[in-house]
Each structure stands twice: as structure tokens, then as C-alpha cells.
Amino acid sequence: MKELVEVIAKALVDNPDEVVVTEKQEGKNVTVELHVAASDMGKVIGKQGRIAKAIRSVVKAASSKDNTKVDVEII
């Protein structure tokens, strides 16, 4: 899931070198943390959080075949 979030985020931002994605696993729960530059935060979140919601939906769909629960946090 880490790679998926990283590819999506790098396509959205102006500074792809500053995108950092970390993954923490606790049993069947996985937390993916997305760090971007402050100037790119609005691009990743989108108007009314629509892009962030879309990223979470794509990750949720991709994780359903692995039978895991993935949370995406934008920091």
C-alpha cells in the first residue's frame, strides 16, 4: 500500500522529492502516513477533502483483496 500512496501523491504535488510515505502494521491494521511539503498540502487534500477521500477509497479497494484494514493519514 505504501507504494500506491507514494505514486498517487507524487503525481499530485509540485515537489515530488519531498513526499515521504511510512507504513506501520499492527496485526491486520495498517497505517500509512503521508508527509508532503507545506505548499503541497492543499493539492493532496483538495477542495472539501475530496482528493484525500479519493486516495483513501483507492487504497481501501486495493487492500480489500489482502483482507487488511488500511488507514491513510496525511501529515
PDB file of N, CA and C in Angstrom:
ATOM      1  N   MET A   1       0.815  -1.195   0.000  1.00  0.00           N
ATOM      2  CA  MET A   1       0.000   0.000   0.000  1.00  0.00           C
ATOM      3  C   MET A   1       0.862   1.265   0.000  1.00  0.00           C
ATOM      4  N   LYS A   2       2.032   1.146   0.608  1.00  0.00           N
ATOM      5  CA  LYS A   2       2.942   2.293   0.683  1.00  0.00           C
ATOM      6  C   LYS A   2       3.286   2.808  -0.712  1.00  0.00           C
ATOM      7  N   GLU A   3       3.579   1.897  -1.624  1.00  0.00           N
ATOM      8  CA  GLU A   3       3.965   2.288  -2.973  1.00  0.00           C
ATOM      9  C   GLU A   3       2.808   2.957  -3.712  1.00  0.00           C
ATOM     10  N   LEU A   4       1.600   2.453  -3.514  1.00  0.00           N
ATOM     11  CA  LEU A   4       0.417   3.014  -4.161  1.00  0.00           C
ATOM     12  C   LEU A   4       0.197   4.462  -3.734  1.00  0.00           C
ATOM     13  N   VAL A   5       0.239   4.717  -2.439  1.00  0.00           N
ATOM     14  CA  VAL A   5       0.047   6.073  -1.915  1.00  0.00           C
ATOM     15  C   VAL A   5       1.161   6.989  -2.416  1.00  0.00           C
ATOM     16  N   GLU A   6       2.386   6.471  -2.462  1.00  0.00           N
ATOM     17  CA  GLU A   6       3.519   7.283  -2.906  1.00  0.00           C
ATOM     18  C   GLU A   6       3.379   7.692  -4.370  1.00  0.00           C
ATOM     19  N   VAL A   7       2.962   6.771  -5.230  1.00  0.00           N
ATOM     20  CA  VAL A   7       2.790   7.072  -6.656  1.00  0.00           C
ATOM     21  C   VAL A   7       1.690   8.114  -6.860  1.00  0.00           C
ATOM     22  N   ILE A   8       0.578   7.953  -6.162  1.00  0.00           N
ATOM     23  CA  ILE A   8      -0.535   8.894  -6.287  1.00  0.00           C
ATOM     24  C   ILE A   8      -0.107  10.282  -5.807  1.00  0.00           C
ATOM     25  N   ALA A   9       0.537  10.343  -4.648  1.00  0.00           N
ATOM     26  CA  ALA A   9       0.932  11.633  -4.070  1.00  0.00           C
ATOM     27  C   ALA A   9       1.955  12.351  -4.943  1.00  0.00           C
ATOM     28  N   LYS A  10       2.923  11.623  -5.466  1.00  0.00           N
ATOM     29  CA  LYS A  10       3.947  12.261  -6.295  1.00  0.00           C
ATOM     30  C   LYS A  10       3.364  12.820  -7.584  1.00  0.00           C
ATOM     31  N   ALA A  11       2.293  12.218  -8.077  1.00  0.00           N
ATOM     32  CA  ALA A  11       1.647  12.720  -9.289  1.00  0.00           C
ATOM     33  C   ALA A  11       0.880  14.015  -9.018  1.00  0.00           C
ATOM     34  N   LEU A  12       0.484  14.237  -7.782  1.00  0.00           N
ATOM     35  CA  LEU A  12      -0.337  15.402  -7.447  1.00  0.00           C
ATOM     36  C   LEU A  12       0.461  16.650  -7.088  1.00  0.00           C
ATOM     37  N   VAL A  13       1.635  16.489  -6.502  1.00  0.00           N
ATOM     38  CA  VAL A  13       2.337  17.615  -5.893  1.00  0.00           C
ATOM     39  C   VAL A  13       3.335  18.273  -6.848  1.00  0.00           C
ATOM     40  N   ASP A  14       3.780  19.483  -6.480  1.00  0.00           N
ATOM     41  CA  ASP A  14       4.796  20.206  -7.242  1.00  0.00           C
ATOM     42  C   ASP A  14       6.204  19.782  -6.836  1.00  0.00           C
ATOM     43  N   ASN A  15       6.363  19.300  -5.601  1.00  0.00           N
ATOM     44  CA  ASN A  15       7.671  18.887  -5.081  1.00  0.00           C
ATOM     45  C   ASN A  15       7.656  17.385  -4.772  1.00  0.00           C
ATOM     46  N   PRO A  16       7.759  16.533  -5.779  1.00  0.00           N
ATOM     47  CA  PRO A  16       7.679  15.085  -5.524  1.00  0.00           C
ATOM     48  C   PRO A  16       8.845  14.542  -4.701  1.00  0.00           C
ATOM     49  N   ASP A  17       9.958  15.286  -4.637  1.00  0.00           N
ATOM     50  CA  ASP A  17      11.097  14.835  -3.841  1.00  0.00           C
ATOM     51  C   ASP A  17      10.813  14.900  -2.347  1.00  0.00           C
ATOM     52  N   GLU A  18       9.845  15.718  -1.950  1.00  0.00           N
ATOM     53  CA  GLU A  18       9.542  15.890  -0.531  1.00  0.00           C
ATOM     54  C   GLU A  18       8.415  14.988  -0.040  1.00  0.00           C
ATOM     55  N   VAL A  19       7.947  14.092  -0.875  1.00  0.00           N
ATOM     56  CA  VAL A  19       6.900  13.143  -0.473  1.00  0.00           C
ATOM     57  C   VAL A  19       7.555  11.989   0.274  1.00  0.00           C
ATOM     58  N   VAL A  20       7.091  11.755   1.500  1.00  0.00           N
ATOM     59  CA  VAL A  20       7.598  10.649   2.315  1.00  0.00           C
ATOM     60  C   VAL A  20       6.402   9.845   2.804  1.00  0.00           C
ATOM     61  N   VAL A  21       6.454   8.537   2.571  1.00  0.00           N
ATOM     62  CA  VAL A  21       5.360   7.654   2.981  1.00  0.00           C
ATOM     63  C   VAL A  21       5.929   6.604   3.920  1.00  0.00           C
ATOM     64  N   THR A  22       5.320   6.468   5.098  1.00  0.00           N
ATOM     65  CA  THR A  22       5.729   5.436   6.047  1.00  0.00           C
ATOM     66  C   THR A  22       4.551   4.531   6.315  1.00  0.00           C
ATOM     67  N   GLU A  23       4.858   3.298   6.669  1.00  0.00           N
ATOM     68  CA  GLU A  23       3.812   2.299   6.885  1.00  0.00           C
ATOM     69  C   GLU A  23       4.045   1.624   8.231  1.00  0.00           C
ATOM     70  N   LYS A  24       2.995   1.566   9.038  1.00  0.00           N
ATOM     71  CA  LYS A  24       3.064   0.900  10.342  1.00  0.00           C
ATOM     72  C   LYS A  24       2.006  -0.189  10.369  1.00  0.00           C
ATOM     73  N   GLN A  25       2.415  -1.394  10.716  1.00  0.00           N
ATOM     74  CA  GLN A  25       1.471  -2.513  10.715  1.00  0.00           C
ATOM     75  C   GLN A  25       1.265  -3.025  12.133  1.00  0.00           C
ATOM     76  N   GLU A  26      -0.002  -3.206  12.486  1.00  0.00           N
ATOM     77  CA  GLU A  26      -0.389  -3.745  13.787  1.00  0.00           C
ATOM     78  C   GLU A  26      -1.426  -4.828  13.541  1.00  0.00           C
ATOM     79  N   GLY A  27      -0.990  -6.053  13.408  1.00  0.00           N
ATOM     80  CA  GLY A  27      -1.907  -7.153  13.106  1.00  0.00           C
ATOM     81  C   GLY A  27      -2.460  -7.004  11.706  1.00  0.00           C
ATOM     82  N   LYS A  28      -3.793  -6.919  11.590  1.00  0.00           N
ATOM     83  CA  LYS A  28      -4.417  -6.734  10.276  1.00  0.00           C
ATOM     84  C   LYS A  28      -4.700  -5.277   9.968  1.00  0.00           C
ATOM     85  N   ASN A  29      -4.298  -4.391  10.864  1.00  0.00           N
ATOM     86  CA  ASN A  29      -4.471  -2.953  10.648  1.00  0.00           C
ATOM     87  C   ASN A  29      -3.153  -2.340  10.189  1.00  0.00           C
ATOM     88  N   VAL A  30      -3.215  -1.571   9.121  1.00  0.00           N
ATOM     89  CA  VAL A  30      -2.038  -0.898   8.591  1.00  0.00           C
ATOM     90  C   VAL A  30      -2.331   0.601   8.544  1.00  0.00           C
ATOM     91  N   THR A  31      -1.378   1.397   9.043  1.00  0.00           N
ATOM     92  CA  THR A  31      -1.496   2.851   8.983  1.00  0.00           C
ATOM     93  C   THR A  31      -0.436   3.370   8.024  1.00  0.00           C
ATOM     94  N   VAL A  32      -0.877   4.075   7.001  1.00  0.00           N
ATOM     95  CA  VAL A  32       0.031   4.672   6.031  1.00  0.00           C
ATOM     96  C   VAL A  32       0.033   6.176   6.287  1.00  0.00           C
ATOM     97  N   GLU A  33       1.219   6.723   6.607  1.00  0.00           N
ATOM     98  CA  GLU A  33       1.355   8.151   6.871  1.00  0.00           C
ATOM     99  C   GLU A  33       1.981   8.824   5.658  1.00  0.00           C
ATOM    100  N   LEU A  34       1.343   9.869   5.182  1.00  0.00           N
ATOM    101  CA  LEU A  34       1.809  10.610   4.021  1.00  0.00           C
ATOM    102  C   LEU A  34       2.278  11.982   4.455  1.00  0.00           C
ATOM    103  N   HIS A  35       3.572  12.274   4.234  1.00  0.00           N
ATOM    104  CA  HIS A  35       4.150  13.576   4.560  1.00  0.00           C
ATOM    105  C   HIS A  35       4.461  14.285   3.254  1.00  0.00           C
ATOM    106  N   VAL A  36       3.968  15.511   3.090  1.00  0.00           N
ATOM    107  CA  VAL A  36       4.257  16.318   1.904  1.00  0.00           C
ATOM    108  C   VAL A  36       4.715  17.703   2.345  1.00  0.00           C
ATOM    109  N   ALA A  37       5.264  18.458   1.415  1.00  0.00           N
ATOM    110  CA  ALA A  37       5.677  19.832   1.711  1.00  0.00           C
ATOM    111  C   ALA A  37       4.450  20.665   2.075  1.00  0.00           C
ATOM    112  N   ALA A  38       4.652  21.665   2.899  1.00  0.00           N
ATOM    113  CA  ALA A  38       3.538  22.508   3.343  1.00  0.00           C
ATOM    114  C   ALA A  38       2.831  23.172   2.171  1.00  0.00           C
ATOM    115  N   SER A  39       3.578  23.538   1.142  1.00  0.00           N
ATOM    116  CA  SER A  39       2.969  24.198  -0.008  1.00  0.00           C
ATOM    117  C   SER A  39       2.112  23.244  -0.842  1.00  0.00           C
ATOM    118  N   ASP A  40       2.332  21.948  -0.702  1.00  0.00           N
ATOM    119  CA  ASP A  40       1.580  20.947  -1.462  1.00  0.00           C
ATOM    120  C   ASP A  40       0.417  20.341  -0.685  1.00  0.00           C
ATOM    121  N   MET A  41       0.253  20.740   0.551  1.00  0.00           N
ATOM    122  CA  MET A  41      -0.781  20.135   1.395  1.00  0.00           C
ATOM    123  C   MET A  41      -2.178  20.317   0.790  1.00  0.00           C
ATOM    124  N   GLY A  42      -2.463  21.478   0.260  1.00  0.00           N
ATOM    125  CA  GLY A  42      -3.775  21.746  -0.326  1.00  0.00           C
ATOM    126  C   GLY A  42      -4.047  20.892  -1.550  1.00  0.00           C
ATOM    127  N   LYS A  43      -3.014  20.598  -2.314  1.00  0.00           N
ATOM    128  CA  LYS A  43      -3.189  19.761  -3.505  1.00  0.00           C
ATOM    129  C   LYS A  43      -3.517  18.327  -3.135  1.00  0.00           C
ATOM    130  N   VAL A  44      -2.956  17.848  -2.039  1.00  0.00           N
ATOM    131  CA  VAL A  44      -3.193  16.464  -1.614  1.00  0.00           C
ATOM    132  C   VAL A  44      -4.561  16.329  -0.946  1.00  0.00           C
ATOM    133  N   ILE A  45      -4.977  17.358  -0.229  1.00  0.00           N
ATOM    134  CA  ILE A  45      -6.267  17.296   0.460  1.00  0.00           C
ATOM    135  C   ILE A  45      -7.408  17.630  -0.496  1.00  0.00           C
ATOM    136  N   GLY A  46      -7.251  18.664  -1.304  1.00  0.00           N
ATOM    137  CA  GLY A  46      -8.279  19.039  -2.268  1.00  0.00           C
ATOM    138  C   GLY A  46      -9.408  19.833  -1.638  1.00  0.00           C
ATOM    139  N   LYS A  47     -10.306  20.313  -2.488  1.00  0.00           N
ATOM    140  CA  LYS A  47     -11.440  21.087  -2.001  1.00  0.00           C
ATOM    141  C   LYS A  47     -12.361  20.177  -1.203  1.00  0.00           C
ATOM    142  N   GLN A  48     -12.662  20.603   0.009  1.00  0.00           N
ATOM    143  CA  GLN A  48     -13.525  19.866   0.926  1.00  0.00           C
ATOM    144  C   GLN A  48     -13.036  18.433   1.150  1.00  0.00           C
ATOM    145  N   GLY A  49     -11.736  18.204   0.986  1.00  0.00           N
ATOM    146  CA  GLY A  49     -11.153  16.898   1.257  1.00  0.00           C
ATOM    147  C   GLY A  49     -11.443  15.842   0.215  1.00  0.00           C
ATOM    148  N   ARG A  50     -11.841  16.247  -0.965  1.00  0.00           N
ATOM    149  CA  ARG A  50     -12.243  15.281  -1.994  1.00  0.00           C
ATOM    150  C   ARG A  50     -11.089  14.415  -2.483  1.00  0.00           C
ATOM    151  N   ILE A  51      -9.917  15.001  -2.677  1.00  0.00           N
ATOM    152  CA  ILE A  51      -8.779  14.217  -3.172  1.00  0.00           C
ATOM    153  C   ILE A  51      -8.302  13.261  -2.086  1.00  0.00           C
ATOM    154  N   ALA A  52      -8.251  13.715  -0.843  1.00  0.00           N
ATOM    155  CA  ALA A  52      -7.856  12.845   0.259  1.00  0.00           C
ATOM    156  C   ALA A  52      -8.829  11.669   0.380  1.00  0.00           C
ATOM    157  N   LYS A  53     -10.104  11.952   0.231  1.00  0.00           N
ATOM    158  CA  LYS A  53     -11.119  10.899   0.291  1.00  0.00           C
ATOM    159  C   LYS A  53     -10.948   9.913  -0.859  1.00  0.00           C
ATOM    160  N   ALA A  54     -10.614  10.426  -2.042  1.00  0.00           N
ATOM    161  CA  ALA A  54     -10.403   9.558  -3.208  1.00  0.00           C
ATOM    162  C   ALA A  54      -9.180   8.663  -3.001  1.00  0.00           C
ATOM    163  N   ILE A  55      -8.108   9.223  -2.434  1.00  0.00           N
ATOM    164  CA  ILE A  55      -6.918   8.419  -2.145  1.00  0.00           C
ATOM    165  C   ILE A  55      -7.270   7.301  -1.170  1.00  0.00           C
ATOM    166  N   ARG A  56      -8.014   7.637  -0.138  1.00  0.00           N
ATOM    167  CA  ARG A  56      -8.411   6.615   0.848  1.00  0.00           C
ATOM    168  C   ARG A  56      -9.297   5.545   0.220  1.00  0.00           C
ATOM    169  N   SER A  57     -10.170   5.939  -0.697  1.00  0.00           N
ATOM    170  CA  SER A  57     -11.045   4.967  -1.368  1.00  0.00           C
ATOM    171  C   SER A  57     -10.249   4.008  -2.238  1.00  0.00           C
ATOM    172  N   VAL A  58      -9.277   4.522  -2.967  1.00  0.00           N
ATOM    173  CA  VAL A  58      -8.445   3.667  -3.821  1.00  0.00           C
ATOM    174  C   VAL A  58      -7.639   2.686  -2.972  1.00  0.00           C
ATOM    175  N   VAL A  59      -7.070   3.179  -1.881  1.00  0.00           N
ATOM    176  CA  VAL A  59      -6.280   2.313  -1.003  1.00  0.00           C
ATOM    177  C   VAL A  59      -7.168   1.263  -0.347  1.00  0.00           C
ATOM    178  N   LYS A  60      -8.366   1.658   0.045  1.00  0.00           N
ATOM    179  CA  LYS A  60      -9.290   0.705   0.654  1.00  0.00           C
ATOM    180  C   LYS A  60      -9.666  -0.397  -0.336  1.00  0.00           C
ATOM    181  N   ALA A  61      -9.913  -0.030  -1.581  1.00  0.00           N
ATOM    182  CA  ALA A  61     -10.253  -1.017  -2.605  1.00  0.00           C
ATOM    183  C   ALA A  61      -9.078  -1.958  -2.860  1.00  0.00           C
ATOM    184  N   ALA A  62      -7.875  -1.420  -2.893  1.00  0.00           N
ATOM    185  CA  ALA A  62      -6.690  -2.243  -3.135  1.00  0.00           C
ATOM    186  C   ALA A  62      -6.400  -3.168  -1.958  1.00  0.00           C
ATOM    187  N   SER A  63      -6.725  -2.729  -0.753  1.00  0.00           N
ATOM    188  CA  SER A  63      -6.431  -3.544   0.428  1.00  0.00           C
ATOM    189  C   SER A  63      -7.494  -4.596   0.697  1.00  0.00           C
ATOM    190  N   SER A  64      -8.635  -4.489   0.049  1.00  0.00           N
ATOM    191  CA  SER A  64      -9.721  -5.447   0.324  1.00  0.00           C
ATOM    192  C   SER A  64      -9.343  -6.864  -0.099  1.00  0.00           C
ATOM    193  N   LYS A  65      -8.519  -7.012  -1.130  1.00  0.00           N
ATOM    194  CA  LYS A  65      -8.126  -8.347  -1.549  1.00  0.00           C
ATOM    195  C   LYS A  65      -7.128  -8.982  -0.577  1.00  0.00           C
ATOM    196  N   ASP A  66      -6.414  -8.149   0.203  1.00  0.00           N
ATOM    197  CA  ASP A  66      -5.462  -8.660   1.195  1.00  0.00           C
ATOM    198  C   ASP A  66      -6.118  -8.931   2.547  1.00  0.00           C
ATOM    199  N   ASN A  67      -7.387  -8.585   2.664  1.00  0.00           N
ATOM    200  CA  ASN A  67      -8.133  -8.775   3.911  1.00  0.00           C
ATOM    201  C   ASN A  67      -7.526  -7.979   5.065  1.00  0.00           C
ATOM    202  N   THR A  68      -7.037  -6.773   4.779  1.00  0.00           N
ATOM    203  CA  THR A  68      -6.482  -5.899   5.806  1.00  0.00           C
ATOM    204  C   THR A  68      -7.217  -4.571   5.797  1.00  0.00           C
ATOM    205  N   LYS A  69      -7.137  -3.866   6.928  1.00  0.00           N
ATOM    206  CA  LYS A  69      -7.743  -2.537   7.036  1.00  0.00           C
ATOM    207  C   LYS A  69      -6.627  -1.518   6.993  1.00  0.00           C
ATOM    208  N   VAL A  70      -6.705  -0.599   6.038  1.00  0.00           N
ATOM    209  CA  VAL A  70      -5.654   0.388   5.842  1.00  0.00           C
ATOM    210  C   VAL A  70      -6.221   1.783   6.107  1.00  0.00           C
ATOM    211  N   ASP A  71      -5.530   2.534   6.963  1.00  0.00           N
ATOM    212  CA  ASP A  71      -5.877   3.927   7.233  1.00  0.00           C
ATOM    213  C   ASP A  71      -4.794   4.809   6.623  1.00  0.00           C
ATOM    214  N   VAL A  72      -5.198   5.862   5.928  1.00  0.00           N
ATOM    215  CA  VAL A  72      -4.248   6.797   5.331  1.00  0.00           C
ATOM    216  C   VAL A  72      -4.337   8.104   6.120  1.00  0.00           C
ATOM    217  N   GLU A  73      -3.208   8.523   6.673  1.00  0.00           N
ATOM    218  CA  GLU A  73      -3.145   9.775   7.413  1.00  0.00           C
ATOM    219  C   GLU A  73      -2.249  10.749   6.667  1.00  0.00           C
ATOM    220  N   ILE A  74      -2.742  11.952   6.443  1.00  0.00           N
ATOM    221  CA  ILE A  74      -1.958  12.984   5.755  1.00  0.00           C
ATOM    222  C   ILE A  74      -1.421  13.933   6.804  1.00  0.00           C
ATOM    223  N   ILE A  75      -0.099  14.004   6.878  1.00  0.00           N
ATOM    224  CA  ILE A  75       0.553  14.777   7.943  1.00  0.00           C
ATOM    225  C   ILE A  75       1.351  15.908   7.319  1.00  0.00           C
TER     226      ILE A  75
END
